[in-house]
PDB file of N, CA and C in Angstrom:
ATOM      1  N   UNK A   1     -67.044 -15.913  -0.418  1.00  0.00           N
ATOM      2  CA  UNK A   1     -67.253 -17.449  -0.529  1.00  0.00           C
ATOM      3  C   UNK A   1     -68.380 -17.483  -1.134  1.00  0.00           C
ATOM      4  N   UNK A   2     -69.379 -16.804  -0.514  1.00  0.00           N
ATOM      5  CA  UNK A   2     -70.837 -16.951  -0.667  1.00  0.00           C
ATOM      6  C   UNK A   2     -71.287 -16.195  -1.661  1.00  0.00           C
ATOM      7  N   UNK A   3     -71.240 -14.613  -1.389  1.00  0.00           N
ATOM      8  CA  UNK A   3     -71.448 -14.527  -2.800  1.00  0.00           C
ATOM      9  C   UNK A   3     -71.613 -14.896  -3.959  1.00  0.00           C
ATOM     10  N   UNK A   4     -70.209 -15.741  -4.266  1.00  0.00           N
ATOM     11  CA  UNK A   4     -69.985 -16.133  -5.640  1.00  0.00           C
ATOM     12  C   UNK A   4     -70.741 -17.282  -5.614  1.00  0.00           C
ATOM     13  N   UNK A   5     -70.842 -18.275  -3.978  1.00  0.00           N
ATOM     14  CA  UNK A   5     -71.950 -19.441  -4.547  1.00  0.00           C
ATOM     15  C   UNK A   5     -73.479 -18.982  -5.069  1.00  0.00           C
ATOM     16  N   UNK A   6     -74.056 -17.511  -4.342  1.00  0.00           N
ATOM     17  CA  UNK A   6     -75.055 -17.255  -4.216  1.00  0.00           C
ATOM     18  C   UNK A   6     -75.118 -16.828  -5.855  1.00  0.00           C
ATOM     19  N   UNK A   7     -74.173 -15.674  -6.123  1.00  0.00           N
ATOM     20  CA  UNK A   7     -74.725 -16.099  -8.087  1.00  0.00           C
ATOM     21  C   UNK A   7     -74.347 -17.263  -8.654  1.00  0.00           C
ATOM     22  N   UNK A   8     -74.387 -18.278  -8.483  1.00  0.00           N
ATOM     23  CA  UNK A   8     -73.846 -19.500  -8.851  1.00  0.00           C
ATOM     24  C   UNK A   8     -75.283 -20.061  -9.152  1.00  0.00           C
ATOM     25  N   UNK A   9     -75.824 -19.758  -7.456  1.00  0.00           N
ATOM     26  CA  UNK A   9     -77.433 -20.291  -7.655  1.00  0.00           C
ATOM     27  C   UNK A   9     -78.143 -19.087  -8.552  1.00  0.00           C
ATOM     28  N   UNK A  10     -78.041 -18.512  -8.486  1.00  0.00           N
ATOM     29  CA  UNK A  10     -79.064 -17.032  -9.354  1.00  0.00           C
ATOM     30  C   UNK A  10     -78.855 -17.480 -10.600  1.00  0.00           C
ATOM     31  N   UNK A  11     -77.775 -18.179 -11.091  1.00  0.00           N
ATOM     32  CA  UNK A  11     -77.734 -18.732 -12.382  1.00  0.00           C
ATOM     33  C   UNK A  11     -78.539 -19.639 -12.523  1.00  0.00           C
ATOM     34  N   UNK A  12     -77.807 -21.008 -11.955  1.00  0.00           N
ATOM     35  CA  UNK A  12     -78.858 -22.053 -11.683  1.00  0.00           C
ATOM     36  C   UNK A  12     -79.958 -21.277 -11.275  1.00  0.00           C
ATOM     37  N   UNK A  13     -81.272 -21.063 -11.158  1.00  0.00           N
ATOM     38  CA  UNK A  13     -82.277 -20.968 -11.017  1.00  0.00           C
ATOM     39  C   UNK A  13     -82.690 -19.612 -12.549  1.00  0.00           C
ATOM     40  N   UNK A  14     -81.736 -19.274 -13.064  1.00  0.00           N
ATOM     41  CA  UNK A  14     -82.252 -17.992 -14.503  1.00  0.00           C
ATOM     42  C   UNK A  14     -82.375 -19.690 -15.175  1.00  0.00           C
ATOM     43  N   UNK A  15     -81.680 -20.431 -15.239  1.00  0.00           N
ATOM     44  CA  UNK A  15     -81.171 -21.829 -16.235  1.00  0.00           C
ATOM     45  C   UNK A  15     -83.049 -22.422 -16.145  1.00  0.00           C
ATOM     46  N   UNK A  16     -83.455 -23.161 -14.436  1.00  0.00           N
ATOM     47  CA  UNK A  16     -84.451 -23.885 -14.444  1.00  0.00           C
ATOM     48  C   UNK A  16     -85.558 -22.644 -14.986  1.00  0.00           C
ATOM     49  N   UNK A  17     -85.467 -21.225 -14.863  1.00  0.00           N
ATOM     50  CA  UNK A  17     -86.815 -20.988 -15.208  1.00  0.00           C
ATOM     51  C   UNK A  17     -86.763 -20.411 -17.440  1.00  0.00           C
ATOM     52  N   UNK A  18     -84.930 -20.920 -17.421  1.00  0.00           N
ATOM     53  CA  UNK A  18     -85.888 -20.923 -19.863  1.00  0.00           C
ATOM     54  C   UNK A  18     -86.409 -22.036 -19.306  1.00  0.00           C
ATOM     55  N   UNK A  19     -85.432 -23.186 -18.664  1.00  0.00           N
ATOM     56  CA  UNK A  19     -85.929 -25.178 -18.670  1.00  0.00           C
ATOM     57  C   UNK A  19     -87.727 -24.667 -18.663  1.00  0.00           C
ATOM     58  N   UNK A  20     -88.264 -24.279 -17.717  1.00  0.00           N
ATOM     59  CA  UNK A  20     -89.525 -24.239 -17.621  1.00  0.00           C
ATOM     60  C   UNK A  20     -89.858 -23.551 -18.728  1.00  0.00           C
ATOM     61  N   UNK A  21     -89.776 -22.288 -19.334  1.00  0.00           N
ATOM     62  CA  UNK A  21     -90.140 -21.652 -20.212  1.00  0.00           C
ATOM     63  C   UNK A  21     -90.120 -22.537 -21.793  1.00  0.00           C
ATOM     64  N   UNK A  22     -89.102 -23.216 -21.887  1.00  0.00           N
ATOM     65  CA  UNK A  22     -88.560 -24.005 -23.536  1.00  0.00           C
ATOM     66  C   UNK A  22     -89.776 -25.298 -22.707  1.00  0.00           C
ATOM     67  N   UNK A  23     -89.671 -26.112 -21.577  1.00  0.00           N
ATOM     68  CA  UNK A  23     -89.978 -27.138 -22.193  1.00  0.00           C
ATOM     69  C   UNK A  23     -91.608 -27.389 -20.892  1.00  0.00           C
ATOM     70  N   UNK A  24     -92.507 -26.743 -20.338  1.00  0.00           N
ATOM     71  CA  UNK A  24     -93.239 -26.455 -20.482  1.00  0.00           C
ATOM     72  C   UNK A  24     -93.901 -26.918 -19.023  1.00  0.00           C
ATOM     73  N   UNK A  25     -92.867 -28.039 -18.691  1.00  0.00           N
ATOM     74  CA  UNK A  25     -93.286 -28.772 -16.991  1.00  0.00           C
ATOM     75  C   UNK A  25     -94.474 -29.591 -17.305  1.00  0.00           C
ATOM     76  N   UNK A  26     -93.807 -30.705 -17.137  1.00  0.00           N
ATOM     77  CA  UNK A  26     -94.549 -31.934 -17.810  1.00  0.00           C
ATOM     78  C   UNK A  26     -95.242 -32.827 -16.142  1.00  0.00           C
ATOM     79  N   UNK A  27     -94.507 -31.825 -15.589  1.00  0.00           N
ATOM     80  CA  UNK A  27     -95.007 -33.114 -13.808  1.00  0.00           C
ATOM     81  C   UNK A  27     -95.973 -32.181 -12.770  1.00  0.00           C
ATOM     82  N   UNK A  28     -95.818 -30.479 -13.163  1.00  0.00           N
ATOM     83  CA  UNK A  28     -96.399 -29.351 -12.278  1.00  0.00           C
ATOM     84  C   UNK A  28     -96.950 -28.296 -13.784  1.00  0.00           C
ATOM     85  N   UNK A  29     -98.441 -28.335 -13.266  1.00  0.00           N
ATOM     86  CA  UNK A  29     -98.780 -26.563 -14.110  1.00  0.00           C
ATOM     87  C   UNK A  29     -97.678 -25.378 -14.245  1.00  0.00           C
ATOM     88  N   UNK A  30     -97.568 -25.155 -14.946  1.00  0.00           N
ATOM     89  CA  UNK A  30     -96.606 -23.855 -15.124  1.00  0.00           C
ATOM     90  C   UNK A  30     -96.679 -22.944 -14.892  1.00  0.00           C
ATOM     91  N   UNK A  31     -98.477 -22.505 -14.188  1.00  0.00           N
ATOM     92  CA  UNK A  31     -98.556 -21.373 -12.607  1.00  0.00           C
ATOM     93  C   UNK A  31     -98.023 -22.001 -11.238  1.00  0.00           C
ATOM     94  N   UNK A  32     -98.101 -23.572 -11.608  1.00  0.00           N
ATOM     95  CA  UNK A  32     -97.554 -23.993  -9.963  1.00  0.00           C
ATOM     96  C   UNK A  32     -96.003 -23.827 -10.141  1.00  0.00           C
ATOM     97  N   UNK A  33     -95.422 -23.753 -10.918  1.00  0.00           N
ATOM     98  CA  UNK A  33     -93.684 -23.822 -11.620  1.00  0.00           C
ATOM     99  C   UNK A  33     -93.454 -22.738 -11.190  1.00  0.00           C
ATOM    100  N   UNK A  34     -94.490 -21.311 -11.324  1.00  0.00           N
ATOM    101  CA  UNK A  34     -94.104 -20.024 -12.024  1.00  0.00           C
ATOM    102  C   UNK A  34     -93.485 -19.412 -10.391  1.00  0.00           C
ATOM    103  N   UNK A  35     -94.888 -19.992  -9.595  1.00  0.00           N
ATOM    104  CA  UNK A  35     -95.163 -19.385  -8.264  1.00  0.00           C
ATOM    105  C   UNK A  35     -93.859 -20.102  -7.128  1.00  0.00           C
ATOM    106  N   UNK A  36     -93.469 -21.012  -7.510  1.00  0.00           N
ATOM    107  CA  UNK A  36     -92.161 -21.840  -7.222  1.00  0.00           C
ATOM    108  C   UNK A  36     -90.766 -21.184  -7.114  1.00  0.00           C
ATOM    109  N   UNK A  37     -90.757 -20.967  -8.624  1.00  0.00           N
ATOM    110  CA  UNK A  37     -88.822 -20.098  -9.007  1.00  0.00           C
ATOM    111  C   UNK A  37     -89.265 -19.221  -8.835  1.00  0.00           C
ATOM    112  N   UNK A  38     -90.927 -17.673  -8.223  1.00  0.00           N
ATOM    113  CA  UNK A  38     -90.846 -16.805  -8.036  1.00  0.00           C
ATOM    114  C   UNK A  38     -90.656 -17.085  -6.415  1.00  0.00           C
ATOM    115  N   UNK A  39     -91.062 -16.978  -6.224  1.00  0.00           N
ATOM    116  CA  UNK A  39     -90.037 -18.364  -4.307  1.00  0.00           C
ATOM    117  C   UNK A  39     -88.717 -18.112  -4.547  1.00  0.00           C
ATOM    118  N   UNK A  40     -88.516 -18.531  -4.603  1.00  0.00           N
ATOM    119  CA  UNK A  40     -87.019 -19.442  -5.094  1.00  0.00           C
ATOM    120  C   UNK A  40     -86.319 -18.349  -5.320  1.00  0.00           C
ATOM    121  N   UNK A  41     -87.145 -17.003  -6.209  1.00  0.00           N
ATOM    122  CA  UNK A  41     -85.793 -16.030  -6.152  1.00  0.00           C
ATOM    123  C   UNK A  41     -86.145 -14.657  -5.278  1.00  0.00           C
ATOM    124  N   UNK A  42     -87.339 -14.950  -4.572  1.00  0.00           N
ATOM    125  CA  UNK A  42     -87.292 -13.838  -3.328  1.00  0.00           C
ATOM    126  C   UNK A  42     -86.305 -14.645  -2.594  1.00  0.00           C
ATOM    127  N   UNK A  43     -86.279 -15.772  -2.064  1.00  0.00           N
ATOM    128  CA  UNK A  43     -85.502 -16.445  -1.289  1.00  0.00           C
ATOM    129  C   UNK A  43     -83.731 -16.162  -1.412  1.00  0.00           C
ATOM    130  N   UNK A  44     -83.235 -16.230  -3.077  1.00  0.00           N
ATOM    131  CA  UNK A  44     -82.723 -15.769  -3.185  1.00  0.00           C
ATOM    132  C   UNK A  44     -81.940 -14.491  -2.860  1.00  0.00           C
ATOM    133  N   UNK A  45     -82.742 -13.056  -2.607  1.00  0.00           N
ATOM    134  CA  UNK A  45     -83.447 -12.048  -2.581  1.00  0.00           C
ATOM    135  C   UNK A  45     -82.456 -11.864  -1.481  1.00  0.00           C
ATOM    136  N   UNK A  46     -83.294 -12.326  -0.781  1.00  0.00           N
ATOM    137  CA  UNK A  46     -83.637 -12.343   1.229  1.00  0.00           C
ATOM    138  C   UNK A  46     -82.169 -12.853   1.206  1.00  0.00           C
ATOM    139  N   UNK A  47     -81.223 -13.546   1.326  1.00  0.00           N
ATOM    140  CA  UNK A  47     -80.344 -14.877   1.224  1.00  0.00           C
ATOM    141  C   UNK A  47     -79.374 -13.568   0.964  1.00  0.00           C
ATOM    142  N   UNK A  48     -79.111 -12.818  -0.267  1.00  0.00           N
ATOM    143  CA  UNK A  48     -78.122 -11.936  -1.147  1.00  0.00           C
ATOM    144  C   UNK A  48     -78.426 -10.629  -0.060  1.00  0.00           C
ATOM    145  N   UNK A  49     -79.009 -10.308   0.528  1.00  0.00           N
ATOM    146  CA  UNK A  49     -79.333  -9.163   1.568  1.00  0.00           C
ATOM    147  C   UNK A  49     -78.570  -9.581   2.903  1.00  0.00           C
ATOM    148  N   UNK A  50     -78.704 -10.562   3.621  1.00  0.00           N
ATOM    149  CA  UNK A  50     -78.467 -10.703   4.474  1.00  0.00           C
ATOM    150  C   UNK A  50     -77.200 -11.283   4.875  1.00  0.00           C
ATOM    151  N   UNK A  51     -76.984 -10.804   3.102  1.00  0.00           N
ATOM    152  CA  UNK A  51     -74.517 -11.918   2.853  1.00  0.00           C
ATOM    153  C   UNK A  51     -74.688 -11.094   3.416  1.00  0.00           C
ATOM    154  N   UNK A  52     -75.083 -10.049   2.917  1.00  0.00           N
ATOM    155  CA  UNK A  52     -74.252  -7.766   2.434  1.00  0.00           C
ATOM    156  C   UNK A  52     -74.644  -7.325   3.563  1.00  0.00           C
ATOM    157  N   UNK A  53     -75.241  -7.490   4.853  1.00  0.00           N
ATOM    158  CA  UNK A  53     -75.453  -7.900   5.736  1.00  0.00           C
ATOM    159  C   UNK A  53     -73.948  -8.592   6.888  1.00  0.00           C
ATOM    160  N   UNK A  54     -74.570  -9.479   6.091  1.00  0.00           N
ATOM    161  CA  UNK A  54     -72.812  -9.920   7.581  1.00  0.00           C
ATOM    162  C   UNK A  54     -71.948 -10.080   7.039  1.00  0.00           C
ATOM    163  N   UNK A  55     -72.000  -9.362   5.942  1.00  0.00           N
ATOM    164  CA  UNK A  55     -70.442  -8.721   5.667  1.00  0.00           C
ATOM    165  C   UNK A  55     -69.768  -7.606   6.163  1.00  0.00           C
ATOM    166  N   UNK A  56     -71.000  -6.479   5.903  1.00  0.00           N
ATOM    167  CA  UNK A  56     -71.092  -4.669   6.556  1.00  0.00           C
ATOM    168  C   UNK A  56     -70.267  -6.275   8.517  1.00  0.00           C
ATOM    169  N   UNK A  57     -71.488  -6.352   8.831  1.00  0.00           N
ATOM    170  CA  UNK A  57     -70.646  -6.713  10.218  1.00  0.00           C
ATOM    171  C   UNK A  57     -69.109  -7.445  10.787  1.00  0.00           C
ATOM    172  N   UNK A  58     -68.655  -8.107   9.291  1.00  0.00           N
ATOM    173  CA  UNK A  58     -67.988  -8.928   9.296  1.00  0.00           C
ATOM    174  C   UNK A  58     -66.566  -7.386   9.335  1.00  0.00           C
ATOM    175  N   UNK A  59     -67.072  -7.062   8.664  1.00  0.00           N
ATOM    176  CA  UNK A  59     -65.950  -5.650   8.409  1.00  0.00           C
ATOM    177  C   UNK A  59     -65.403  -4.923   9.107  1.00  0.00           C
ATOM    178  N   UNK A  60     -67.165  -4.644  10.414  1.00  0.00           N
ATOM    179  CA  UNK A  60     -67.168  -3.394  11.533  1.00  0.00           C
ATOM    180  C   UNK A  60     -65.977  -4.563  12.169  1.00  0.00           C
ATOM    181  N   UNK A  61     -66.087  -5.731  12.852  1.00  0.00           N
ATOM    182  CA  UNK A  61     -65.587  -6.431  13.571  1.00  0.00           C
ATOM    183  C   UNK A  61     -64.686  -7.334  12.794  1.00  0.00           C
ATOM    184  N   UNK A  62     -63.478  -6.728  12.168  1.00  0.00           N
ATOM    185  CA  UNK A  62     -62.681  -7.151  11.587  1.00  0.00           C
ATOM    186  C   UNK A  62     -62.186  -5.481  12.050  1.00  0.00           C
ATOM    187  N   UNK A  63     -62.585  -4.989  11.847  1.00  0.00           N
ATOM    188  CA  UNK A  63     -61.780  -2.998  12.208  1.00  0.00           C
ATOM    189  C   UNK A  63     -61.475  -3.431  13.884  1.00  0.00           C
ATOM    190  N   UNK A  64     -62.542  -3.745  14.989  1.00  0.00           N
ATOM    191  CA  UNK A  64     -62.789  -3.884  16.351  1.00  0.00           C
ATOM    192  C   UNK A  64     -61.494  -4.122  16.464  1.00  0.00           C
ATOM    193  N   UNK A  65     -61.334  -6.431  15.710  1.00  0.00           N
ATOM    194  CA  UNK A  65     -60.413  -6.449  16.647  1.00  0.00           C
ATOM    195  C   UNK A  65     -59.263  -6.365  16.192  1.00  0.00           C
ATOM    196  N   UNK A  66     -58.990  -5.548  14.604  1.00  0.00           N
ATOM    197  CA  UNK A  66     -57.065  -4.446  14.409  1.00  0.00           C
ATOM    198  C   UNK A  66     -57.241  -3.949  15.288  1.00  0.00           C
ATOM    199  N   UNK A  67     -58.040  -3.031  16.072  1.00  0.00           N
ATOM    200  CA  UNK A  67     -57.376  -1.605  16.785  1.00  0.00           C
ATOM    201  C   UNK A  67     -57.422  -3.065  18.187  1.00  0.00           C
ATOM    202  N   UNK A  68     -58.178  -3.796  18.851  1.00  0.00           N
ATOM    203  CA  UNK A  68     -58.305  -5.109  19.707  1.00  0.00           C
ATOM    204  C   UNK A  68     -56.286  -4.695  19.634  1.00  0.00           C
ATOM    205  N   UNK A  69     -56.015  -5.737  18.764  1.00  0.00           N
ATOM    206  CA  UNK A  69     -54.582  -5.890  18.694  1.00  0.00           C
ATOM    207  C   UNK A  69     -53.548  -5.194  19.089  1.00  0.00           C
ATOM    208  N   UNK A  70     -53.750  -5.001  18.096  1.00  0.00           N
ATOM    209  CA  UNK A  70     -52.874  -3.071  18.588  1.00  0.00           C
ATOM    210  C   UNK A  70     -52.890  -2.660  19.605  1.00  0.00           C
ATOM    211  N   UNK A  71     -53.551  -1.917  20.836  1.00  0.00           N
ATOM    212  CA  UNK A  71     -54.103  -2.008  22.261  1.00  0.00           C
ATOM    213  C   UNK A  71     -53.303  -3.635  22.901  1.00  0.00           C
ATOM    214  N   UNK A  72     -53.480  -4.371  22.449  1.00  0.00           N
ATOM    215  CA  UNK A  72     -52.649  -5.783  23.066  1.00  0.00           C
ATOM    216  C   UNK A  72     -51.255  -6.045  22.998  1.00  0.00           C
ATOM    217  N   UNK A  73     -50.518  -5.269  21.700  1.00  0.00           N
ATOM    218  CA  UNK A  73     -49.482  -5.519  22.086  1.00  0.00           C
ATOM    219  C   UNK A  73     -48.510  -3.567  22.406  1.00  0.00           C
ATOM    220  N   UNK A  74     -49.619  -3.254  22.611  1.00  0.00           N
ATOM    221  CA  UNK A  74     -49.340  -2.025  23.953  1.00  0.00           C
ATOM    222  C   UNK A  74     -48.858  -1.808  24.954  1.00  0.00           C
ATOM    223  N   UNK A  75     -49.986  -2.570  25.009  1.00  0.00           N
ATOM    224  CA  UNK A  75     -50.493  -3.487  27.171  1.00  0.00           C
ATOM    225  C   UNK A  75     -49.470  -4.354  27.153  1.00  0.00           C
ATOM    226  N   UNK A  76     -48.890  -5.487  26.480  1.00  0.00           N
ATOM    227  CA  UNK A  76     -48.163  -6.159  26.391  1.00  0.00           C
ATOM    228  C   UNK A  76     -46.609  -6.379  26.339  1.00  0.00           C
ATOM    229  N   UNK A  77     -46.359  -4.916  25.901  1.00  0.00           N
ATOM    230  CA  UNK A  77     -44.824  -4.128  25.463  1.00  0.00           C
ATOM    231  C   UNK A  77     -44.882  -2.875  27.303  1.00  0.00           C
ATOM    232  N   UNK A  78     -46.079  -2.520  27.880  1.00  0.00           N
ATOM    233  CA  UNK A  78     -45.270  -1.865  29.008  1.00  0.00           C
ATOM    234  C   UNK A  78     -45.638  -2.894  29.950  1.00  0.00           C
ATOM    235  N   UNK A  79     -46.495  -4.178  29.038  1.00  0.00           N
ATOM    236  CA  UNK A  79     -46.228  -4.406  30.710  1.00  0.00           C
ATOM    237  C   UNK A  79     -44.927  -5.519  30.761  1.00  0.00           C
ATOM    238  N   UNK A  80     -44.376  -5.687  30.353  1.00  0.00           N
ATOM    239  CA  UNK A  80     -42.466  -5.976  30.109  1.00  0.00           C
ATOM    240  C   UNK A  80     -41.496  -5.271  30.224  1.00  0.00           C
ATOM    241  N   UNK A  81     -41.983  -3.647  30.147  1.00  0.00           N
ATOM    242  CA  UNK A  81     -40.673  -2.368  30.508  1.00  0.00           C
ATOM    243  C   UNK A  81     -41.461  -2.727  32.556  1.00  0.00           C
ATOM    244  N   UNK A  82     -43.010  -2.793  32.615  1.00  0.00           N
ATOM    245  CA  UNK A  82     -42.833  -2.481  33.992  1.00  0.00           C
ATOM    246  C   UNK A  82     -42.507  -3.881  34.315  1.00  0.00           C
ATOM    247  N   UNK A  83     -42.764  -5.778  33.912  1.00  0.00           N
ATOM    248  CA  UNK A  83     -41.874  -6.443  34.775  1.00  0.00           C
ATOM    249  C   UNK A  83     -40.148  -6.277  35.038  1.00  0.00           C
ATOM    250  N   UNK A  84     -39.479  -5.496  33.791  1.00  0.00           N
ATOM    251  CA  UNK A  84     -38.250  -5.141  34.143  1.00  0.00           C
ATOM    252  C   UNK A  84     -37.563  -3.841  34.898  1.00  0.00           C
ATOM    253  N   UNK A  85     -38.288  -3.402  34.872  1.00  0.00           N
ATOM    254  CA  UNK A  85     -38.473  -2.516  35.700  1.00  0.00           C
ATOM    255  C   UNK A  85     -38.353  -2.892  37.519  1.00  0.00           C
ATOM    256  N   UNK A  86     -39.329  -3.423  37.428  1.00  0.00           N
ATOM    257  CA  UNK A  86     -39.482  -3.714  38.791  1.00  0.00           C
ATOM    258  C   UNK A  86     -38.456  -5.181  38.979  1.00  0.00           C
ATOM    259  N   UNK A  87     -38.076  -5.638  38.073  1.00  0.00           N
ATOM    260  CA  UNK A  87     -36.657  -6.985  39.044  1.00  0.00           C
ATOM    261  C   UNK A  87     -35.396  -6.026  39.094  1.00  0.00           C
ATOM    262  N   UNK A  88     -35.737  -4.931  38.427  1.00  0.00           N
ATOM    263  CA  UNK A  88     -33.752  -4.563  38.179  1.00  0.00           C
ATOM    264  C   UNK A  88     -34.000  -3.255  39.049  1.00  0.00           C
ATOM    265  N   UNK A  89     -35.099  -2.735  39.190  1.00  0.00           N
ATOM    266  CA  UNK A  89     -36.471  -2.312  41.106  1.00  0.00           C
ATOM    267  C   UNK A  89     -35.361  -2.417  42.252  1.00  0.00           C
ATOM    268  N   UNK A  90     -36.153  -4.018  42.297  1.00  0.00           N
ATOM    269  CA  UNK A  90     -35.287  -5.419  43.173  1.00  0.00           C
ATOM    270  C   UNK A  90     -34.353  -4.670  44.191  1.00  0.00           C
ATOM    271  N   UNK A  91     -34.914  -4.991  45.879  1.00  0.00           N
ATOM    272  CA  UNK A  91     -33.731  -4.670  46.244  1.00  0.00           C
ATOM    273  C   UNK A  91     -32.786  -5.803  46.800  1.00  0.00           C
ATOM    274  N   UNK A  92     -31.693  -5.959  47.090  1.00  0.00           N
ATOM    275  CA  UNK A  92     -31.364  -6.263  46.960  1.00  0.00           C
ATOM    276  C   UNK A  92     -31.110  -7.717  48.046  1.00  0.00           C
ATOM    277  N   UNK A  93     -31.807  -7.172  49.286  1.00  0.00           N
ATOM    278  CA  UNK A  93     -31.834  -6.909  50.965  1.00  0.00           C
ATOM    279  C   UNK A  93     -33.269  -7.355  51.078  1.00  0.00           C
ATOM    280  N   UNK A  94     -33.670  -8.249  51.820  1.00  0.00           N
ATOM    281  CA  UNK A  94     -34.877  -9.075  51.531  1.00  0.00           C
ATOM    282  C   UNK A  94     -35.142  -8.692  53.153  1.00  0.00           C
ATOM    283  N   UNK A  95     -34.580  -9.278  54.126  1.00  0.00           N
ATOM    284  CA  UNK A  95     -35.017  -9.309  55.516  1.00  0.00           C
ATOM    285  C   UNK A  95     -34.419  -8.271  56.611  1.00  0.00           C
ATOM    286  N   UNK A  96     -34.300  -8.707  57.156  1.00  0.00           N
ATOM    287  CA  UNK A  96     -33.623  -7.852  58.423  1.00  0.00           C
ATOM    288  C   UNK A  96     -32.628  -8.072  59.379  1.00  0.00           C
ATOM    289  N   UNK A  97     -32.487  -9.816  59.123  1.00  0.00           N
ATOM    290  CA  UNK A  97     -31.178  -9.950  59.261  1.00  0.00           C
ATOM    291  C   UNK A  97     -30.007 -10.347  58.569  1.00  0.00           C
ATOM    292  N   UNK A  98     -30.719  -9.397  56.856  1.00  0.00           N
ATOM    293  CA  UNK A  98     -29.750 -10.020  55.983  1.00  0.00           C
ATOM    294  C   UNK A  98     -29.377  -8.379  56.175  1.00  0.00           C
ATOM    295  N   UNK A  99     -30.334  -7.641  56.648  1.00  0.00           N
ATOM    296  CA  UNK A  99     -30.173  -5.507  56.482  1.00  0.00           C
ATOM    297  C   UNK A  99     -29.103  -5.832  57.483  1.00  0.00           C
ATOM    298  N   UNK A 100     -28.942  -6.298  58.425  1.00  0.00           N
ATOM    299  CA  UNK A 100     -28.120  -5.996  60.018  1.00  0.00           C
ATOM    300  C   UNK A 100     -26.989  -6.064  59.781  1.00  0.00           C
ATOM    301  N   UNK A 101     -26.329  -7.545  58.670  1.00  0.00           N
ATOM    302  CA  UNK A 101     -25.655  -8.543  58.984  1.00  0.00           C
ATOM    303  C   UNK A 101     -24.197  -7.008  57.123  1.00  0.00           C
ATOM    304  N   UNK A 102     -25.644  -6.760  56.410  1.00  0.00           N
ATOM    305  CA  UNK A 102     -25.036  -6.116  55.790  1.00  0.00           C
ATOM    306  C   UNK A 102     -24.474  -4.407  56.308  1.00  0.00           C
ATOM    307  N   UNK A 103     -24.938  -4.528  57.194  1.00  0.00           N
ATOM    308  CA  UNK A 103     -24.752  -2.587  58.662  1.00  0.00           C
ATOM    309  C   UNK A 103     -23.182  -3.590  58.980  1.00  0.00           C
ATOM    310  N   UNK A 104     -23.499  -4.835  58.977  1.00  0.00           N
ATOM    311  CA  UNK A 104     -22.277  -4.957  59.984  1.00  0.00           C
ATOM    312  C   UNK A 104     -20.833  -5.352  58.819  1.00  0.00           C
ATOM    313  N   UNK A 105     -21.584  -5.215  57.538  1.00  0.00           N
ATOM    314  CA  UNK A 105     -20.177  -5.564  57.088  1.00  0.00           C
ATOM    315  C   UNK A 105     -19.678  -3.659  56.476  1.00  0.00           C
ATOM    316  N   UNK A 106     -20.745  -3.286  56.568  1.00  0.00           N
ATOM    317  CA  UNK A 106     -20.501  -1.500  55.573  1.00  0.00           C
ATOM    318  C   UNK A 106     -19.663  -0.988  57.262  1.00  0.00           C
ATOM    319  N   UNK A 107     -19.978  -1.668  58.669  1.00  0.00           N
ATOM    320  CA  UNK A 107     -18.643  -0.746  59.543  1.00  0.00           C
ATOM    321  C   UNK A 107     -17.953  -0.970  59.450  1.00  0.00           C
TER     322      UNK A 107
END
């Protein structure tokens, strides 16, 4: 989206250059306008470069998040399995009294 906006702004800047060349710039001198347009072009180039760097960084971050999501899903599954096993392996006798009563019952 940013790249599309930059392309649009670059076109607008090119149109401004062409308009300046045809109209001659009534309010400012052509030299001042040319300098201003050159500054704007440099700013656009800088922004294009920053967007490219941002895009690369975002792609790297997206890859890292995907790896995180995969590992998180695996850990979540392992935790669920562990909790299930713990619930299944839980001793039915919890106290010494209950164990004594069970021994008496079995005898």
